[in-house]
């Protein structure tokens, strides 16, 4: 009978075990927050100068405020890469990261990089200022200075968004990553130890239900019952009559 000697299996190199693959980095709540913030800020900014769409503007502004409140909580109790402690660094880390982007060995971060983290903090701060000043203006608790603050904060937030988008494009080109797709499916190149354990889909679903429910209530509260735009127009006509 022919026999063959079994040779021992060759050890797998450590580099092969740690080779990058697509792993789950962004949980569902982070992704839902991100795209809802894009939608609400864009919609609120575009309707800011229209009295006809005032109710839509207010609804989107309040939604943005609620999203920020959720993100502050999720930044403390959320998944690994969602927590502020995992990505918010000091100024030195930001400077070092920016400098490395122009060097031969740019820093790579599976989660938010230090510059992106700074943009996130600024965006959250601006969103709080925009929402708070907008609430005060809508409830007639302020003078012209708060209207100016609301406008300045909105424009500063837009500027930070522009810088953030530019940074994302530069980082994507340098590291050859599709960061937009990563914020859709939640996956980036990394090792198994970089992955989060749960996508927290249930929390993401609850976020959507809460936002859509709030929008539905706002729609129902429109005086004419004909929608956000007509409701805002009705509110404006009522205000004019009261002024007379």
Protein backbone atom coordinates (compact mmCIF):
# COMPACT_ATOMS: atom_id res chain seq x y z
CA UNK A 1 0.00 0.00 0.00
CA UNK A 2 1.30 3.37 -0.95
CA UNK A 3 1.76 5.75 1.90
CA UNK A 4 2.59 9.45 1.95
CA UNK A 5 4.19 11.22 4.82
CA UNK A 6 2.07 14.10 6.03
CA UNK A 7 4.06 17.29 6.26
CA UNK A 8 3.20 19.69 9.05
CA UNK A 9 1.14 22.70 8.02
CA UNK A 10 3.16 25.82 7.45
CA UNK A 11 2.53 28.57 10.00
CA UNK A 12 0.43 31.47 8.79
CA UNK A 13 2.37 34.75 8.88
CA UNK A 14 1.11 37.26 11.39
CA UNK A 15 0.82 39.84 8.60
CA UNK A 16 -1.66 37.61 6.80
CA UNK A 17 -3.80 37.28 9.92
CA UNK A 18 -3.91 41.05 10.25
CA UNK A 19 -4.48 41.80 6.57
CA UNK A 20 -7.11 44.53 6.01
CA UNK A 21 -10.63 43.46 5.13
CA UNK A 22 -14.00 45.14 5.15
CA UNK A 23 -15.19 45.22 8.76
CA UNK A 24 -18.11 46.97 10.43
CA UNK A 25 -16.89 50.30 11.83
CA UNK A 26 -19.93 52.61 11.86
CA UNK A 27 -23.03 51.38 13.65
CA UNK A 28 -26.50 52.13 12.30
CA UNK A 29 -27.27 55.02 14.72
CA UNK A 30 -24.11 56.86 13.63
CA UNK A 31 -25.04 56.45 9.97
CA UNK A 32 -28.68 57.45 10.50
CA UNK A 33 -27.54 60.50 12.49
CA UNK A 34 -25.08 61.50 9.77
CA UNK A 35 -27.54 61.43 6.87
CA UNK A 36 -30.42 62.94 8.83
CA UNK A 37 -28.14 65.81 9.82
CA UNK A 38 -27.27 66.34 6.15
CA UNK A 39 -30.97 66.35 5.25
CA UNK A 40 -32.17 68.56 8.09
CA UNK A 41 -29.43 71.19 7.82
CA UNK A 42 -29.71 71.41 4.03
CA UNK A 43 -33.49 71.67 4.21
CA UNK A 44 -33.46 74.23 7.02
CA UNK A 45 -30.81 76.34 5.29
CA UNK A 46 -32.69 76.36 1.99
CA UNK A 47 -36.00 77.36 3.64
CA UNK A 48 -34.52 80.00 5.95
CA UNK A 49 -35.57 83.00 3.85
CA UNK A 50 -39.08 81.80 2.93
CA UNK A 51 -42.06 82.69 5.12
CA UNK A 52 -44.18 80.22 3.17
CA UNK A 53 -41.90 77.38 4.30
CA UNK A 54 -41.42 78.66 7.82
CA UNK A 55 -43.04 75.64 9.49
CA UNK A 56 -40.82 73.30 7.48
CA UNK A 57 -37.79 75.35 8.49
CA UNK A 58 -38.75 75.21 12.17
CA UNK A 59 -39.52 71.48 12.01
CA UNK A 60 -36.17 70.69 10.44
CA UNK A 61 -34.37 72.92 12.94
CA UNK A 62 -35.98 71.19 15.91
CA UNK A 63 -35.16 67.83 14.35
CA UNK A 64 -31.53 68.85 14.06
CA UNK A 65 -31.52 69.84 17.73
CA UNK A 66 -32.94 66.46 18.71
CA UNK A 67 -30.35 64.67 16.62
CA UNK A 68 -27.55 66.58 18.32
CA UNK A 69 -28.93 65.66 21.74
CA UNK A 70 -28.99 62.01 20.71
CA UNK A 71 -25.43 62.17 19.36
CA UNK A 72 -24.12 63.64 22.59
CA UNK A 73 -25.62 60.71 24.49
CA UNK A 74 -24.50 58.16 21.92
CA UNK A 75 -21.00 59.62 22.10
CA UNK A 76 -20.89 58.45 25.69
CA UNK A 77 -22.66 55.08 25.57
CA UNK A 78 -22.53 54.07 21.90
CA UNK A 79 -20.32 51.57 20.10
CA UNK A 80 -16.54 51.80 20.11
CA UNK A 81 -15.94 54.18 17.20
CA UNK A 82 -18.97 56.31 18.06
CA UNK A 83 -17.66 57.30 21.49
CA UNK A 84 -15.99 60.68 21.84
CA UNK A 85 -13.28 59.14 23.99
CA UNK A 86 -12.13 57.04 21.04
CA UNK A 87 -11.58 59.86 18.55
CA UNK A 88 -11.56 63.33 20.16
CA UNK A 89 -7.91 64.28 20.59
CA UNK A 90 -5.97 67.42 21.46
CA UNK A 91 -4.67 70.13 19.09
CA UNK A 92 -1.27 68.42 18.82
CA UNK A 93 -2.88 65.29 17.38
CA UNK A 94 -4.77 67.37 14.83
CA UNK A 95 -1.63 69.20 13.71
CA UNK A 96 0.34 65.96 13.51
CA UNK A 97 -2.36 64.32 11.41
CA UNK A 98 -2.65 67.24 8.98
CA UNK A 99 1.13 67.37 8.54
CA UNK A 100 1.30 63.63 7.90
CA UNK A 101 -1.21 63.91 5.06
CA UNK A 102 1.40 65.72 2.99
CA UNK A 103 4.24 63.38 3.91
CA UNK A 104 5.30 59.96 2.64
CA UNK A 105 3.54 58.07 5.47
CA UNK A 106 0.13 59.63 6.18
CA UNK A 107 -1.61 58.60 9.38
CA UNK A 108 -4.54 56.25 8.91
CA UNK A 109 -7.40 55.88 11.37
CA UNK A 110 -10.11 53.25 11.11
CA UNK A 111 -12.55 55.53 12.94
CA UNK A 112 -12.64 59.31 12.85
CA UNK A 113 -9.24 60.91 12.33
CA UNK A 114 -8.24 63.84 14.61
CA UNK A 115 -9.11 66.48 12.01
CA UNK A 116 -12.48 64.88 11.35
CA UNK A 117 -13.10 64.72 15.09
CA UNK A 118 -12.44 68.46 15.38
CA UNK A 119 -14.94 69.10 12.58
CA UNK A 120 -17.55 66.96 14.35
CA UNK A 121 -17.13 68.86 17.63
CA UNK A 122 -17.43 72.20 15.82
CA UNK A 123 -20.50 71.04 13.90
CA UNK A 124 -22.22 69.89 17.07
CA UNK A 125 -21.43 73.20 18.79
CA UNK A 126 -22.69 75.21 15.81
CA UNK A 127 -25.83 73.08 15.61
CA UNK A 128 -26.58 73.81 19.28
CA UNK A 129 -26.13 77.55 18.68
CA UNK A 130 -28.31 77.46 15.55
CA UNK A 131 -31.10 75.49 17.23
CA UNK A 132 -31.11 77.50 20.46
CA UNK A 133 -31.12 80.88 18.71
CA UNK A 134 -33.76 79.68 16.25
CA UNK A 135 -36.00 78.51 19.10
CA UNK A 136 -35.67 81.88 20.82
CA UNK A 137 -36.49 83.76 17.61
CA UNK A 138 -39.50 81.55 16.83
CA UNK A 139 -40.88 82.11 20.33
CA UNK A 140 -40.21 85.87 20.12
CA UNK A 141 -37.84 85.88 23.08
CA UNK A 142 -35.13 87.92 21.45
CA UNK A 143 -34.13 90.98 19.54
CA UNK A 144 -32.20 91.54 16.34
CA UNK A 145 -28.91 90.42 17.89
CA UNK A 146 -30.18 86.84 18.19
CA UNK A 147 -31.35 86.89 14.59
CA UNK A 148 -27.84 87.93 13.60
CA UNK A 149 -26.37 85.20 15.82
CA UNK A 150 -28.67 82.64 14.20
CA UNK A 151 -27.56 83.69 10.72
CA UNK A 152 -23.86 83.84 11.61
CA UNK A 153 -23.96 80.43 13.31
CA UNK A 154 -25.73 78.92 10.29
CA UNK A 155 -23.15 80.30 7.89
CA UNK A 156 -20.27 79.19 10.11
CA UNK A 157 -21.79 75.72 10.23
CA UNK A 158 -22.01 75.70 6.44
CA UNK A 159 -18.34 76.74 6.25
CA UNK A 160 -17.27 73.96 8.63
CA UNK A 161 -19.27 71.49 6.53
CA UNK A 162 -17.41 72.67 3.44
CA UNK A 163 -14.02 72.19 5.12
CA UNK A 164 -15.14 68.80 6.43
CA UNK A 165 -16.21 67.65 2.96
CA UNK A 166 -12.88 68.82 1.52
CA UNK A 167 -11.03 66.89 4.24
CA UNK A 168 -13.05 63.76 3.48
CA UNK A 169 -12.20 64.01 -0.21
CA UNK A 170 -8.49 64.51 0.51
CA UNK A 171 -8.40 61.62 2.99
CA UNK A 172 -10.28 59.37 0.59
CA UNK A 173 -7.78 60.13 -2.17
CA UNK A 174 -4.70 59.72 0.02
CA UNK A 175 -5.84 56.45 1.59
CA UNK A 176 -7.75 55.24 -1.47
CA UNK A 177 -10.93 54.69 0.50
CA UNK A 178 -14.55 55.33 -0.40
CA UNK A 179 -15.56 57.16 2.76
CA UNK A 180 -19.03 58.03 1.47
CA UNK A 181 -19.80 54.36 0.87
CA UNK A 182 -18.45 53.58 4.34
CA UNK A 183 -21.02 55.94 5.85
CA UNK A 184 -23.72 54.05 3.93
CA UNK A 185 -22.85 50.42 4.67
CA UNK A 186 -20.74 51.09 7.76
CA UNK A 187 -17.73 49.12 6.53
CA UNK A 188 -14.10 50.14 6.11
CA UNK A 189 -10.81 48.37 5.56
CA UNK A 190 -9.51 47.12 8.88
CA UNK A 191 -8.66 44.09 10.95
CA UNK A 192 -11.17 42.01 12.93
CA UNK A 193 -10.10 43.72 16.15
CA UNK A 194 -11.16 47.06 14.63
CA UNK A 195 -14.75 45.92 14.08
CA UNK A 196 -17.65 46.83 16.34
CA UNK A 197 -19.59 43.94 17.82
CA UNK A 198 -23.10 45.16 17.07
CA UNK A 199 -24.68 47.37 14.42
CA UNK A 200 -27.39 48.50 16.88
CA UNK A 201 -30.06 48.35 14.18
CA UNK A 202 -32.87 48.60 16.73
CA UNK A 203 -31.60 51.99 17.92
CA UNK A 204 -31.34 53.21 14.32
CA UNK A 205 -34.93 52.13 13.65
CA UNK A 206 -36.14 53.91 16.79
CA UNK A 207 -34.36 57.07 15.61
CA UNK A 208 -36.18 56.97 12.28
CA UNK A 209 -39.52 56.27 13.96
CA UNK A 210 -39.01 59.19 16.36
CA UNK A 211 -38.07 61.62 13.57
CA UNK A 212 -40.88 60.57 11.25
CA UNK A 213 -43.34 60.66 14.14
CA UNK A 214 -42.28 64.20 15.03
CA UNK A 215 -42.63 65.28 11.41
CA UNK A 216 -46.11 63.76 11.28
CA UNK A 217 -47.16 65.64 14.42
CA UNK A 218 -45.84 68.89 12.97
CA UNK A 219 -47.75 68.23 9.75
CA UNK A 220 -50.94 67.59 11.72
CA UNK A 221 -50.47 70.80 13.69
CA UNK A 222 -50.47 72.92 10.54
CA UNK A 223 -53.51 75.21 10.92
CA UNK A 224 -54.95 74.61 7.45
CA UNK A 225 -54.22 70.87 7.52
CA UNK A 226 -52.92 71.21 3.98
CA UNK A 227 -49.25 70.67 4.68
CA UNK A 228 -46.19 72.42 5.96
CA UNK A 229 -46.02 75.18 3.39
CA UNK A 230 -49.73 76.11 3.56
CA UNK A 231 -49.63 75.79 7.34
CA UNK A 232 -46.79 78.28 7.54
CA UNK A 233 -48.66 80.65 5.24
CA UNK A 234 -51.75 80.39 7.46
CA UNK A 235 -49.66 81.17 10.51
CA UNK A 236 -48.27 84.23 8.77
CA UNK A 237 -51.72 85.48 7.75
CA UNK A 238 -52.92 85.05 11.33
CA UNK A 239 -49.96 87.03 12.63
CA UNK A 240 -50.72 89.83 10.17
CA UNK A 241 -54.33 89.98 11.31
CA UNK A 242 -53.26 90.16 14.95
CA UNK A 243 -50.92 93.01 14.08
CA UNK A 244 -53.78 94.93 12.51
